[in-house]
């Protein structure tokens, strides 16, 4: 459950983009409970991320932000881990290699010379930028934060449509910087609105605002949040693609709801910090609470004797038939994160 199985690799291998959501949950549990056992178990994962860097396992991805923020930045911030700090800085350097300066974007996947992937980014990338902001905060080198902010600006300008929905992915000409076209990889169509992508946009733009105080990022988060809330069914848990409608028989994505709940809390916090639109802040906070209440009442699993996810009915990648109608690590992480934020407003964020 914690570490996905990959063909040709031993079970438990630290590979792919999902593994950090387990140590991320451990760090949340350690903060909420104060139990040293959670802290020790979370710290024990740092070595596998150092090894992953040493062995160069699945490093050709923007998801280094997910991977090393939840595992190693947390370890550095919450436990003063020198190994965690070094591993996270090494990961930030790898992520910087993916920044294409002419296009001003961080390439999402694959080799930088791959003609099919070159100049392509995805909305999820916003959640990977905090690693770069942390690297600037830690080292004093402005290059990391500058790249993150330039990238986020291009995502804001191209991936968010006029109606507040989002493309999943977008292509730029890496040699000229010209924006080319929007598309999807996991949504139902290029012009639809993949629910988890919309959730990443809500949370990701709010996080960029946290690090930059750029009001346009807060506005982008609000536009995406308002559109998301308008497209929800009665129980506030979206279909896996928002454009499919609100028919209760559609496959849901509880992970998109969990991400959105935590993102709405981040958005509400930002509005409260600025003192701007406190009415909107209250509305976003109330929506997050209602979403969490619905997840708890209708989608949470009661743990049994076997390891089980916290939430059921998530969709990873329906077009490829991967992880359809099952629990997943990131859904559980963001569900726990949102609940922890409500329980402990002074929670130290990995982001």
C-alpha atoms as a PDB file:
ATOM      1  CA  UNK A   1       0.000   0.000   0.000  1.00  0.00           C
ATOM      2  CA  UNK A   2       2.692   2.514   0.979  1.00  0.00           C
ATOM      3  CA  UNK A   3       5.049   1.864  -1.924  1.00  0.00           C
ATOM      4  CA  UNK A   4       3.489   1.033  -5.300  1.00  0.00           C
ATOM      5  CA  UNK A   5       4.587  -2.106  -7.056  1.00  0.00           C
ATOM      6  CA  UNK A   6       6.410  -1.532 -10.328  1.00  0.00           C
ATOM      7  CA  UNK A   7       6.966  -4.186 -13.009  1.00  0.00           C
ATOM      8  CA  UNK A   8      10.513  -5.527 -12.882  1.00  0.00           C
ATOM      9  CA  UNK A   9      11.283  -3.932  -9.514  1.00  0.00           C
ATOM     10  CA  UNK A  10      11.150  -5.504  -6.061  1.00  0.00           C
ATOM     11  CA  UNK A  11       8.123  -4.700  -3.916  1.00  0.00           C
ATOM     12  CA  UNK A  12       8.842  -1.738  -1.691  1.00  0.00           C
ATOM     13  CA  UNK A  13      11.151  -0.008  -4.166  1.00  0.00           C
ATOM     14  CA  UNK A  14      11.174   3.762  -3.742  1.00  0.00           C
ATOM     15  CA  UNK A  15      10.183   4.684  -7.290  1.00  0.00           C
ATOM     16  CA  UNK A  16       7.445   6.545  -9.147  1.00  0.00           C
ATOM     17  CA  UNK A  17       5.865   9.744  -7.756  1.00  0.00           C
ATOM     18  CA  UNK A  18       3.673   8.467  -4.912  1.00  0.00           C
ATOM     19  CA  UNK A  19       5.993   7.116  -2.245  1.00  0.00           C
ATOM     20  CA  UNK A  20       6.362  10.277  -0.160  1.00  0.00           C
ATOM     21  CA  UNK A  21       2.695  10.412   0.737  1.00  0.00           C
ATOM     22  CA  UNK A  22       3.301   7.739   3.373  1.00  0.00           C
ATOM     23  CA  UNK A  23       6.111   9.534   5.276  1.00  0.00           C
ATOM     24  CA  UNK A  24       4.024  12.676   4.769  1.00  0.00           C
ATOM     25  CA  UNK A  25       1.209  11.042   6.719  1.00  0.00           C
ATOM     26  CA  UNK A  26       3.662   9.963   9.415  1.00  0.00           C
ATOM     27  CA  UNK A  27       4.903  13.550   9.832  1.00  0.00           C
ATOM     28  CA  UNK A  28       1.309  14.763  10.130  1.00  0.00           C
ATOM     29  CA  UNK A  29       0.572  12.109  12.755  1.00  0.00           C
ATOM     30  CA  UNK A  30       3.731  13.043  14.655  1.00  0.00           C
ATOM     31  CA  UNK A  31       2.706  16.700  14.769  1.00  0.00           C
ATOM     32  CA  UNK A  32      -0.899  16.077  15.757  1.00  0.00           C
ATOM     33  CA  UNK A  33      -0.214  13.436  18.423  1.00  0.00           C
ATOM     34  CA  UNK A  34       3.294  14.261  19.618  1.00  0.00           C
ATOM     35  CA  UNK A  35       4.039  10.526  19.504  1.00  0.00           C
ATOM     36  CA  UNK A  36       7.780   9.978  19.034  1.00  0.00           C
ATOM     37  CA  UNK A  37       7.137   6.658  17.281  1.00  0.00           C
ATOM     38  CA  UNK A  38       5.610   8.421  14.274  1.00  0.00           C
ATOM     39  CA  UNK A  39       8.536  10.837  14.156  1.00  0.00           C
ATOM     40  CA  UNK A  40      11.099   8.032  14.272  1.00  0.00           C
ATOM     41  CA  UNK A  41       9.338   6.067  11.556  1.00  0.00           C
ATOM     42  CA  UNK A  42       9.101   9.157   9.336  1.00  0.00           C
ATOM     43  CA  UNK A  43      12.799   9.933   9.803  1.00  0.00           C
ATOM     44  CA  UNK A  44      13.694   6.368   8.873  1.00  0.00           C
ATOM     45  CA  UNK A  45      12.415   7.005   5.341  1.00  0.00           C
ATOM     46  CA  UNK A  46      14.984   9.720   4.613  1.00  0.00           C
ATOM     47  CA  UNK A  47      17.711   7.186   3.827  1.00  0.00           C
ATOM     48  CA  UNK A  48      15.678   5.694   0.971  1.00  0.00           C
ATOM     49  CA  UNK A  49      15.373   9.129  -0.660  1.00  0.00           C
ATOM     50  CA  UNK A  50      19.116   9.655  -0.414  1.00  0.00           C
ATOM     51  CA  UNK A  51      19.557   6.239  -2.005  1.00  0.00           C
ATOM     52  CA  UNK A  52      17.062   7.146  -4.719  1.00  0.00           C
ATOM     53  CA  UNK A  53      19.189  10.170  -5.611  1.00  0.00           C
ATOM     54  CA  UNK A  54      22.407   8.159  -5.506  1.00  0.00           C
ATOM     55  CA  UNK A  55      20.971   5.471  -7.778  1.00  0.00           C
ATOM     56  CA  UNK A  56      19.153   8.018  -9.998  1.00  0.00           C
ATOM     57  CA  UNK A  57      15.811   6.222  -9.722  1.00  0.00           C
ATOM     58  CA  UNK A  58      12.940   8.020 -11.502  1.00  0.00           C
ATOM     59  CA  UNK A  59      14.474  11.484 -11.259  1.00  0.00           C
ATOM     60  CA  UNK A  60      13.394  12.689 -14.717  1.00  0.00           C
ATOM     61  CA  UNK A  61      10.181  14.200 -13.393  1.00  0.00           C
ATOM     62  CA  UNK A  62       8.830  17.408 -11.904  1.00  0.00           C
ATOM     63  CA  UNK A  63       7.336  15.270  -9.111  1.00  0.00           C
ATOM     64  CA  UNK A  64      10.590  15.638  -7.196  1.00  0.00           C
ATOM     65  CA  UNK A  65       8.676  18.361  -5.365  1.00  0.00           C
ATOM     66  CA  UNK A  66       6.042  15.960  -4.070  1.00  0.00           C
ATOM     67  CA  UNK A  67       8.662  13.340  -3.289  1.00  0.00           C
ATOM     68  CA  UNK A  68      11.193  15.395  -1.374  1.00  0.00           C
ATOM     69  CA  UNK A  69       8.968  18.010   0.277  1.00  0.00           C
ATOM     70  CA  UNK A  70       6.920  15.474   2.191  1.00  0.00           C
ATOM     71  CA  UNK A  71       9.843  13.215   3.071  1.00  0.00           C
ATOM     72  CA  UNK A  72      13.004  15.307   3.353  1.00  0.00           C
ATOM     73  CA  UNK A  73      11.920  18.938   3.742  1.00  0.00           C
ATOM     74  CA  UNK A  74       9.654  17.735   6.537  1.00  0.00           C
ATOM     75  CA  UNK A  75      12.597  15.927   8.112  1.00  0.00           C
ATOM     76  CA  UNK A  76      14.739  19.063   7.927  1.00  0.00           C
ATOM     77  CA  UNK A  77      12.046  21.391   9.265  1.00  0.00           C
ATOM     78  CA  UNK A  78      10.570  19.196  11.959  1.00  0.00           C
ATOM     79  CA  UNK A  79      13.602  17.220  13.124  1.00  0.00           C
ATOM     80  CA  UNK A  80      16.635  19.232  12.000  1.00  0.00           C
ATOM     81  CA  UNK A  81      17.767  16.330   9.811  1.00  0.00           C
ATOM     82  CA  UNK A  82      20.991  17.232   7.987  1.00  0.00           C
ATOM     83  CA  UNK A  83      20.540  14.229   5.709  1.00  0.00           C
ATOM     84  CA  UNK A  84      17.017  15.343   4.850  1.00  0.00           C
ATOM     85  CA  UNK A  85      18.182  18.889   4.135  1.00  0.00           C
ATOM     86  CA  UNK A  86      20.967  17.696   1.816  1.00  0.00           C
ATOM     87  CA  UNK A  87      18.701  15.259  -0.036  1.00  0.00           C
ATOM     88  CA  UNK A  88      16.032  17.927  -0.546  1.00  0.00           C
ATOM     89  CA  UNK A  89      18.603  20.410  -1.891  1.00  0.00           C
ATOM     90  CA  UNK A  90      19.967  17.779  -4.269  1.00  0.00           C
ATOM     91  CA  UNK A  91      16.397  17.139  -5.463  1.00  0.00           C
ATOM     92  CA  UNK A  92      15.856  20.876  -5.976  1.00  0.00           C
ATOM     93  CA  UNK A  93      18.975  20.959  -8.155  1.00  0.00           C
ATOM     94  CA  UNK A  94      17.607  18.079 -10.226  1.00  0.00           C
ATOM     95  CA  UNK A  95      14.309  19.938 -10.569  1.00  0.00           C
ATOM     96  CA  UNK A  96      16.114  23.071 -11.739  1.00  0.00           C
ATOM     97  CA  UNK A  97      17.626  21.076 -14.614  1.00  0.00           C
ATOM     98  CA  UNK A  98      14.056  20.661 -15.879  1.00  0.00           C
ATOM     99  CA  UNK A  99      13.475  24.418 -16.085  1.00  0.00           C
ATOM    100  CA  UNK A 100      13.482  25.470 -19.736  1.00  0.00           C
ATOM    101  CA  UNK A 101      14.492  29.153 -19.624  1.00  0.00           C
ATOM    102  CA  UNK A 102      13.231  30.208 -23.058  1.00  0.00           C
ATOM    103  CA  UNK A 103       9.772  28.743 -22.490  1.00  0.00           C
ATOM    104  CA  UNK A 104       9.921  29.645 -18.794  1.00  0.00           C
ATOM    105  CA  UNK A 105       8.405  26.354 -17.672  1.00  0.00           C
ATOM    106  CA  UNK A 106       9.443  23.233 -15.790  1.00  0.00           C
ATOM    107  CA  UNK A 107       9.092  20.221 -18.080  1.00  0.00           C
ATOM    108  CA  UNK A 108       6.859  17.631 -16.475  1.00  0.00           C
ATOM    109  CA  UNK A 109       8.131  14.255 -17.560  1.00  0.00           C
ATOM    110  CA  UNK A 110      10.833  12.414 -19.398  1.00  0.00           C
ATOM    111  CA  UNK A 111      14.163  13.246 -20.962  1.00  0.00           C
ATOM    112  CA  UNK A 112      14.648  16.854 -21.950  1.00  0.00           C
ATOM    113  CA  UNK A 113      15.549  15.823 -25.494  1.00  0.00           C
ATOM    114  CA  UNK A 114      12.412  13.719 -26.001  1.00  0.00           C
ATOM    115  CA  UNK A 115      10.553  15.481 -28.860  1.00  0.00           C
ATOM    116  CA  UNK A 116       7.144  14.263 -27.630  1.00  0.00           C
ATOM    117  CA  UNK A 117       7.637  15.538 -24.080  1.00  0.00           C
ATOM    118  CA  UNK A 118       9.885  18.553 -24.542  1.00  0.00           C
ATOM    119  CA  UNK A 119       8.141  21.786 -23.569  1.00  0.00           C
ATOM    120  CA  UNK A 120       5.252  20.011 -21.853  1.00  0.00           C
ATOM    121  CA  UNK A 121       4.078  20.792 -18.359  1.00  0.00           C
ATOM    122  CA  UNK A 122       0.996  19.870 -16.325  1.00  0.00           C
ATOM    123  CA  UNK A 123      -1.123  21.611 -13.732  1.00  0.00           C
ATOM    124  CA  UNK A 124       0.188  19.264 -11.002  1.00  0.00           C
ATOM    125  CA  UNK A 125       3.520  21.096 -11.347  1.00  0.00           C
ATOM    126  CA  UNK A 126       2.271  23.907  -9.108  1.00  0.00           C
ATOM    127  CA  UNK A 127       2.459  21.568  -6.121  1.00  0.00           C
ATOM    128  CA  UNK A 128       6.124  20.884  -6.892  1.00  0.00           C
ATOM    129  CA  UNK A 129       7.188  24.539  -6.749  1.00  0.00           C
ATOM    130  CA  UNK A 130       7.366  24.724  -2.903  1.00  0.00           C
ATOM    131  CA  UNK A 131      10.546  22.627  -3.001  1.00  0.00           C
ATOM    132  CA  UNK A 132      12.188  25.417  -5.008  1.00  0.00           C
ATOM    133  CA  UNK A 133      10.913  28.146  -2.695  1.00  0.00           C
ATOM    134  CA  UNK A 134      12.270  26.158   0.260  1.00  0.00           C
ATOM    135  CA  UNK A 135      15.654  25.814  -1.481  1.00  0.00           C
ATOM    136  CA  UNK A 136      15.926  29.590  -1.861  1.00  0.00           C
ATOM    137  CA  UNK A 137      14.850  30.078   1.754  1.00  0.00           C
ATOM    138  CA  UNK A 138      17.485  27.551   2.864  1.00  0.00           C
ATOM    139  CA  UNK A 139      20.431  28.585   0.691  1.00  0.00           C
ATOM    140  CA  UNK A 140      19.742  32.252  -0.044  1.00  0.00           C
ATOM    141  CA  UNK A 141      20.148  31.514  -3.760  1.00  0.00           C
ATOM    142  CA  UNK A 142      17.280  33.309  -5.570  1.00  0.00           C
ATOM    143  CA  UNK A 143      17.448  31.152  -8.727  1.00  0.00           C
ATOM    144  CA  UNK A 144      15.183  28.445  -7.329  1.00  0.00           C
ATOM    145  CA  UNK A 145      12.361  30.790  -6.338  1.00  0.00           C
ATOM    146  CA  UNK A 146      12.704  32.809  -9.533  1.00  0.00           C
ATOM    147  CA  UNK A 147      12.263  29.691 -11.673  1.00  0.00           C
ATOM    148  CA  UNK A 148       9.250  28.583  -9.629  1.00  0.00           C
ATOM    149  CA  UNK A 149       7.571  31.984  -9.967  1.00  0.00           C
ATOM    150  CA  UNK A 150       8.199  32.306 -13.711  1.00  0.00           C
ATOM    151  CA  UNK A 151       6.855  28.784 -14.231  1.00  0.00           C
ATOM    152  CA  UNK A 152       3.743  29.437 -12.133  1.00  0.00           C
ATOM    153  CA  UNK A 153       3.042  32.588 -14.133  1.00  0.00           C
ATOM    154  CA  UNK A 154       3.013  30.672 -17.398  1.00  0.00           C
ATOM    155  CA  UNK A 155       0.763  27.990 -15.887  1.00  0.00           C
ATOM    156  CA  UNK A 156      -1.612  30.737 -14.694  1.00  0.00           C
ATOM    157  CA  UNK A 157      -1.692  32.378 -18.135  1.00  0.00           C
ATOM    158  CA  UNK A 158      -2.126  29.245 -20.271  1.00  0.00           C
ATOM    159  CA  UNK A 159      -3.563  26.361 -18.253  1.00  0.00           C
ATOM    160  CA  UNK A 160      -6.414  28.303 -16.614  1.00  0.00           C
ATOM    161  CA  UNK A 161      -9.194  28.914 -19.137  1.00  0.00           C
ATOM    162  CA  UNK A 162     -11.396  32.013 -19.208  1.00  0.00           C
ATOM    163  CA  UNK A 163     -14.241  30.158 -17.459  1.00  0.00           C
ATOM    164  CA  UNK A 164     -11.998  29.117 -14.541  1.00  0.00           C
ATOM    165  CA  UNK A 165     -11.583  25.491 -15.623  1.00  0.00           C
ATOM    166  CA  UNK A 166      -8.139  24.090 -16.370  1.00  0.00           C
ATOM    167  CA  UNK A 167      -6.290  22.097 -18.962  1.00  0.00           C
ATOM    168  CA  UNK A 168      -4.453  19.157 -17.470  1.00  0.00           C
ATOM    169  CA  UNK A 169      -1.387  19.699 -19.610  1.00  0.00           C
ATOM    170  CA  UNK A 170       0.012  22.342 -21.944  1.00  0.00           C
ATOM    171  CA  UNK A 171       2.787  22.468 -24.560  1.00  0.00           C
ATOM    172  CA  UNK A 172       5.238  25.270 -25.258  1.00  0.00           C
ATOM    173  CA  UNK A 173       7.847  25.497 -28.013  1.00  0.00           C
ATOM    174  CA  UNK A 174      10.998  25.048 -25.936  1.00  0.00           C
ATOM    175  CA  UNK A 175      13.141  26.871 -28.501  1.00  0.00           C
ATOM    176  CA  UNK A 176      10.978  29.979 -28.996  1.00  0.00           C
ATOM    177  CA  UNK A 177       8.815  30.008 -25.855  1.00  0.00           C
ATOM    178  CA  UNK A 178       5.613  30.224 -27.902  1.00  0.00           C
ATOM    179  CA  UNK A 179       2.566  28.622 -26.178  1.00  0.00           C
ATOM    180  CA  UNK A 180       1.229  25.861 -28.407  1.00  0.00           C
ATOM    181  CA  UNK A 181      -1.820  23.947 -27.131  1.00  0.00           C
ATOM    182  CA  UNK A 182      -3.646  22.503 -24.190  1.00  0.00           C
ATOM    183  CA  UNK A 183      -4.332  18.796 -23.829  1.00  0.00           C
ATOM    184  CA  UNK A 184      -4.968  16.090 -21.272  1.00  0.00           C
ATOM    185  CA  UNK A 185      -3.307  12.893 -20.115  1.00  0.00           C
ATOM    186  CA  UNK A 186      -5.750  11.684 -17.462  1.00  0.00           C
ATOM    187  CA  UNK A 187      -8.953  13.596 -18.155  1.00  0.00           C
ATOM    188  CA  UNK A 188     -11.785  12.470 -20.419  1.00  0.00           C
ATOM    189  CA  UNK A 189     -10.787  14.886 -23.200  1.00  0.00           C
ATOM    190  CA  UNK A 190      -8.432  17.720 -24.064  1.00  0.00           C
ATOM    191  CA  UNK A 191     -11.133  20.342 -23.523  1.00  0.00           C
ATOM    192  CA  UNK A 192     -12.743  18.881 -20.407  1.00  0.00           C
ATOM    193  CA  UNK A 193     -11.786  19.537 -16.781  1.00  0.00           C
ATOM    194  CA  UNK A 194      -9.994  16.694 -14.995  1.00  0.00           C
ATOM    195  CA  UNK A 195     -11.111  16.964 -11.374  1.00  0.00           C
ATOM    196  CA  UNK A 196      -7.775  16.294  -9.714  1.00  0.00           C
ATOM    197  CA  UNK A 197      -6.076  18.800 -12.010  1.00  0.00           C
ATOM    198  CA  UNK A 198      -8.564  21.473 -10.947  1.00  0.00           C
ATOM    199  CA  UNK A 199      -7.811  20.554  -7.324  1.00  0.00           C
ATOM    200  CA  UNK A 200      -4.049  20.921  -7.901  1.00  0.00           C
ATOM    201  CA  UNK A 201      -4.706  24.373  -9.373  1.00  0.00           C
ATOM    202  CA  UNK A 202      -6.730  25.557  -6.375  1.00  0.00           C
ATOM    203  CA  UNK A 203      -4.085  24.444  -3.895  1.00  0.00           C
ATOM    204  CA  UNK A 204      -1.028  25.137  -6.045  1.00  0.00           C
ATOM    205  CA  UNK A 205      -1.814  28.753  -6.903  1.00  0.00           C
ATOM    206  CA  UNK A 206      -2.622  29.445  -3.242  1.00  0.00           C
ATOM    207  CA  UNK A 207       0.780  28.025  -2.273  1.00  0.00           C
ATOM    208  CA  UNK A 208       2.590  30.160  -4.841  1.00  0.00           C
ATOM    209  CA  UNK A 209       0.814  33.164  -3.346  1.00  0.00           C
ATOM    210  CA  UNK A 210       2.037  32.113   0.110  1.00  0.00           C
ATOM    211  CA  UNK A 211       5.626  32.290  -1.111  1.00  0.00           C
ATOM    212  CA  UNK A 212       5.346  35.363  -3.359  1.00  0.00           C
ATOM    213  CA  UNK A 213       2.419  37.527  -2.160  1.00  0.00           C
ATOM    214  CA  UNK A 214       1.477  37.797  -5.846  1.00  0.00           C
ATOM    215  CA  UNK A 215      -2.195  38.774  -5.849  1.00  0.00           C
ATOM    216  CA  UNK A 216      -2.703  37.295  -9.329  1.00  0.00           C
ATOM    217  CA  UNK A 217      -1.911  33.844  -7.929  1.00  0.00           C
ATOM    218  CA  UNK A 218      -4.540  34.273  -5.235  1.00  0.00           C
ATOM    219  CA  UNK A 219      -7.017  35.382  -7.883  1.00  0.00           C
ATOM    220  CA  UNK A 220      -6.213  32.311 -10.006  1.00  0.00           C
ATOM    221  CA  UNK A 221      -6.767  30.042  -7.013  1.00  0.00           C
ATOM    222  CA  UNK A 222     -10.109  31.715  -6.301  1.00  0.00           C
ATOM    223  CA  UNK A 223     -11.266  31.430  -9.918  1.00  0.00           C
ATOM    224  CA  UNK A 224     -10.452  27.732  -9.964  1.00  0.00           C
ATOM    225  CA  UNK A 225     -12.055  27.179  -6.557  1.00  0.00           C
ATOM    226  CA  UNK A 226     -15.264  28.956  -7.504  1.00  0.00           C
ATOM    227  CA  UNK A 227     -15.577  26.940 -10.719  1.00  0.00           C
ATOM    228  CA  UNK A 228     -14.843  23.671  -8.903  1.00  0.00           C
ATOM    229  CA  UNK A 229     -17.530  24.349  -6.290  1.00  0.00           C
ATOM    230  CA  UNK A 230     -20.056  25.238  -9.012  1.00  0.00           C
ATOM    231  CA  UNK A 231     -19.516  21.858 -10.723  1.00  0.00           C
ATOM    232  CA  UNK A 232     -19.915  19.594  -7.683  1.00  0.00           C
ATOM    233  CA  UNK A 233     -22.719  17.101  -7.056  1.00  0.00           C
ATOM    234  CA  UNK A 234     -24.851  17.360  -3.942  1.00  0.00           C
ATOM    235  CA  UNK A 235     -22.438  15.395  -1.738  1.00  0.00           C
ATOM    236  CA  UNK A 236     -19.489  17.624  -2.775  1.00  0.00           C
ATOM    237  CA  UNK A 237     -17.314  14.768  -4.060  1.00  0.00           C
ATOM    238  CA  UNK A 238     -16.646  15.264  -7.781  1.00  0.00           C
ATOM    239  CA  UNK A 239     -16.830  12.944 -10.710  1.00  0.00           C
ATOM    240  CA  UNK A 240     -13.332  12.060 -11.896  1.00  0.00           C
ATOM    241  CA  UNK A 241     -13.766  14.660 -14.667  1.00  0.00           C
ATOM    242  CA  UNK A 242     -15.869  17.685 -13.722  1.00  0.00           C
ATOM    243  CA  UNK A 243     -17.120  18.150 -17.281  1.00  0.00           C
ATOM    244  CA  UNK A 244     -19.004  14.849 -17.073  1.00  0.00           C
ATOM    245  CA  UNK A 245     -21.583  16.415 -14.783  1.00  0.00           C
ATOM    246  CA  UNK A 246     -23.098  15.554 -11.426  1.00  0.00           C
ATOM    247  CA  UNK A 247     -24.827  12.227 -12.116  1.00  0.00           C
ATOM    248  CA  UNK A 248     -24.365  10.232  -8.872  1.00  0.00           C
ATOM    249  CA  UNK A 249     -23.609   7.055 -10.836  1.00  0.00           C
ATOM    250  CA  UNK A 250     -20.425   8.531 -12.307  1.00  0.00           C
ATOM    251  CA  UNK A 251     -17.068   7.374 -10.957  1.00  0.00           C
ATOM    252  CA  UNK A 252     -15.962   9.760  -8.224  1.00  0.00           C
ATOM    253  CA  UNK A 253     -12.477  10.880  -7.295  1.00  0.00           C
ATOM    254  CA  UNK A 254     -12.315  11.230  -3.535  1.00  0.00           C
ATOM    255  CA  UNK A 255      -8.649  12.205  -3.807  1.00  0.00           C
ATOM    256  CA  UNK A 256      -9.665  15.319  -5.774  1.00  0.00           C
ATOM    257  CA  UNK A 257     -12.084  16.225  -2.966  1.00  0.00           C
ATOM    258  CA  UNK A 258      -9.410  15.714  -0.298  1.00  0.00           C
ATOM    259  CA  UNK A 259      -6.851  17.840  -2.180  1.00  0.00           C
ATOM    260  CA  UNK A 260      -9.455  20.539  -2.713  1.00  0.00           C
ATOM    261  CA  UNK A 261     -10.464  20.560   0.958  1.00  0.00           C
ATOM    262  CA  UNK A 262      -6.879  21.256   2.033  1.00  0.00           C
ATOM    263  CA  UNK A 263      -6.454  23.734  -0.824  1.00  0.00           C
ATOM    264  CA  UNK A 264      -9.581  25.635   0.227  1.00  0.00           C
ATOM    265  CA  UNK A 265      -8.186  25.896   3.752  1.00  0.00           C
ATOM    266  CA  UNK A 266      -4.951  27.307   2.294  1.00  0.00           C
ATOM    267  CA  UNK A 267      -6.972  29.754   0.219  1.00  0.00           C
ATOM    268  CA  UNK A 268      -9.033  30.826   3.245  1.00  0.00           C
ATOM    269  CA  UNK A 269      -5.855  31.296   5.293  1.00  0.00           C
ATOM    270  CA  UNK A 270      -4.390  33.489   2.548  1.00  0.00           C
ATOM    271  CA  UNK A 271      -7.453  35.719   2.388  1.00  0.00           C
ATOM    272  CA  UNK A 272      -7.480  36.029   6.174  1.00  0.00           C
ATOM    273  CA  UNK A 273      -3.784  36.968   6.213  1.00  0.00           C
ATOM    274  CA  UNK A 274      -4.325  39.702   3.669  1.00  0.00           C
ATOM    275  CA  UNK A 275      -7.510  40.883   5.366  1.00  0.00           C
ATOM    276  CA  UNK A 276      -9.157  40.800   1.960  1.00  0.00           C
ATOM    277  CA  UNK A 277     -12.591  39.312   1.310  1.00  0.00           C
ATOM    278  CA  UNK A 278     -13.141  37.729   4.717  1.00  0.00           C
ATOM    279  CA  UNK A 279     -16.607  36.723   3.532  1.00  0.00           C
ATOM    280  CA  UNK A 280     -15.025  34.640   0.779  1.00  0.00           C
ATOM    281  CA  UNK A 281     -12.540  33.153   3.251  1.00  0.00           C
ATOM    282  CA  UNK A 282     -15.409  32.005   5.457  1.00  0.00           C
ATOM    283  CA  UNK A 283     -17.187  30.516   2.446  1.00  0.00           C
ATOM    284  CA  UNK A 284     -14.116  28.542   1.349  1.00  0.00           C
ATOM    285  CA  UNK A 285     -13.488  27.299   4.879  1.00  0.00           C
ATOM    286  CA  UNK A 286     -17.115  26.192   5.224  1.00  0.00           C
ATOM    287  CA  UNK A 287     -16.920  24.372   1.879  1.00  0.00           C
ATOM    288  CA  UNK A 288     -13.757  22.558   2.991  1.00  0.00           C
ATOM    289  CA  UNK A 289     -15.443  21.429   6.209  1.00  0.00           C
ATOM    290  CA  UNK A 290     -18.546  20.266   4.344  1.00  0.00           C
ATOM    291  CA  UNK A 291     -16.386  18.330   1.877  1.00  0.00           C
ATOM    292  CA  UNK A 292     -14.493  16.614   4.691  1.00  0.00           C
ATOM    293  CA  UNK A 293     -17.733  15.788   6.493  1.00  0.00           C
ATOM    294  CA  UNK A 294     -19.071  14.166   3.327  1.00  0.00           C
ATOM    295  CA  UNK A 295     -15.874  12.168   2.813  1.00  0.00           C
ATOM    296  CA  UNK A 296     -15.972  10.977   6.424  1.00  0.00           C
ATOM    297  CA  UNK A 297     -19.654  10.058   6.293  1.00  0.00           C
ATOM    298  CA  UNK A 298     -19.825   8.387   2.890  1.00  0.00           C
ATOM    299  CA  UNK A 299     -16.363   7.451   1.614  1.00  0.00           C
ATOM    300  CA  UNK A 300     -14.114   6.669   4.580  1.00  0.00           C
ATOM    301  CA  UNK A 301     -13.264   3.039   5.255  1.00  0.00           C
ATOM    302  CA  UNK A 302     -13.301   1.577   8.732  1.00  0.00           C
ATOM    303  CA  UNK A 303      -9.846  -0.003   9.230  1.00  0.00           C
ATOM    304  CA  UNK A 304      -9.864  -3.769   9.556  1.00  0.00           C
ATOM    305  CA  UNK A 305      -7.138  -6.296  10.252  1.00  0.00           C
ATOM    306  CA  UNK A 306      -5.493  -5.680   6.866  1.00  0.00           C
ATOM    307  CA  UNK A 307      -3.855  -2.444   5.697  1.00  0.00           C
ATOM    308  CA  UNK A 308      -6.527  -0.329   4.057  1.00  0.00           C
ATOM    309  CA  UNK A 309      -6.784   3.173   2.600  1.00  0.00           C
ATOM    310  CA  UNK A 310      -8.578   5.872   4.546  1.00  0.00           C
ATOM    311  CA  UNK A 311     -10.774   6.753   1.554  1.00  0.00           C
ATOM    312  CA  UNK A 312     -12.369   4.605  -1.131  1.00  0.00           C
ATOM    313  CA  UNK A 313     -13.651   5.526  -4.606  1.00  0.00           C
ATOM    314  CA  UNK A 314     -10.685   7.398  -6.024  1.00  0.00           C
ATOM    315  CA  UNK A 315      -9.559   7.375  -9.655  1.00  0.00           C
ATOM    316  CA  UNK A 316      -5.869   7.521 -10.533  1.00  0.00           C
ATOM    317  CA  UNK A 317      -5.791   7.292 -14.337  1.00  0.00           C
ATOM    318  CA  UNK A 318      -9.000   6.080 -15.963  1.00  0.00           C
ATOM    319  CA  UNK A 319      -7.834   6.377 -19.602  1.00  0.00           C
ATOM    320  CA  UNK A 320      -5.053   3.882 -18.847  1.00  0.00           C
ATOM    321  CA  UNK A 321      -7.217   1.791 -16.510  1.00  0.00           C
ATOM    322  CA  UNK A 322      -4.865   2.357 -13.561  1.00  0.00           C
ATOM    323  CA  UNK A 323      -6.126   2.741  -9.998  1.00  0.00           C
ATOM    324  CA  UNK A 324      -9.808   3.029 -10.904  1.00  0.00           C
ATOM    325  CA  UNK A 325     -12.337   3.011  -8.054  1.00  0.00           C
ATOM    326  CA  UNK A 326      -9.861   2.323  -5.265  1.00  0.00           C
ATOM    327  CA  UNK A 327      -8.079   4.143  -2.466  1.00  0.00           C
ATOM    328  CA  UNK A 328      -4.701   5.759  -3.002  1.00  0.00           C
ATOM    329  CA  UNK A 329      -1.871   7.296  -1.015  1.00  0.00           C
ATOM    330  CA  UNK A 330      -2.294  10.902  -2.092  1.00  0.00           C
ATOM    331  CA  UNK A 331      -6.012  10.898  -1.358  1.00  0.00           C
ATOM    332  CA  UNK A 332      -5.270   9.625   2.131  1.00  0.00           C
ATOM    333  CA  UNK A 333      -2.456  12.142   2.612  1.00  0.00           C
ATOM    334  CA  UNK A 334      -4.547  15.195   1.706  1.00  0.00           C
ATOM    335  CA  UNK A 335      -7.555  13.920   3.680  1.00  0.00           C
ATOM    336  CA  UNK A 336      -5.340  13.599   6.744  1.00  0.00           C
ATOM    337  CA  UNK A 337      -3.633  16.926   6.011  1.00  0.00           C
ATOM    338  CA  UNK A 338      -6.948  18.778   5.804  1.00  0.00           C
ATOM    339  CA  UNK A 339      -8.194  17.197   9.024  1.00  0.00           C
ATOM    340  CA  UNK A 340      -4.895  18.020  10.735  1.00  0.00           C
ATOM    341  CA  UNK A 341      -5.112  21.641   9.573  1.00  0.00           C
ATOM    342  CA  UNK A 342      -8.519  21.958  11.198  1.00  0.00           C
ATOM    343  CA  UNK A 343      -7.344  20.258  14.384  1.00  0.00           C
ATOM    344  CA  UNK A 344      -4.030  22.121  14.677  1.00  0.00           C
ATOM    345  CA  UNK A 345      -4.042  25.532  12.955  1.00  0.00           C
ATOM    346  CA  UNK A 346      -0.342  25.997  13.839  1.00  0.00           C
ATOM    347  CA  UNK A 347       0.624  22.839  11.918  1.00  0.00           C
ATOM    348  CA  UNK A 348       4.036  23.172  10.218  1.00  0.00           C
ATOM    349  CA  UNK A 349       3.459  22.729   6.484  1.00  0.00           C
ATOM    350  CA  UNK A 350       5.683  20.711   4.183  1.00  0.00           C
ATOM    351  CA  UNK A 351       4.763  23.184   1.447  1.00  0.00           C
END
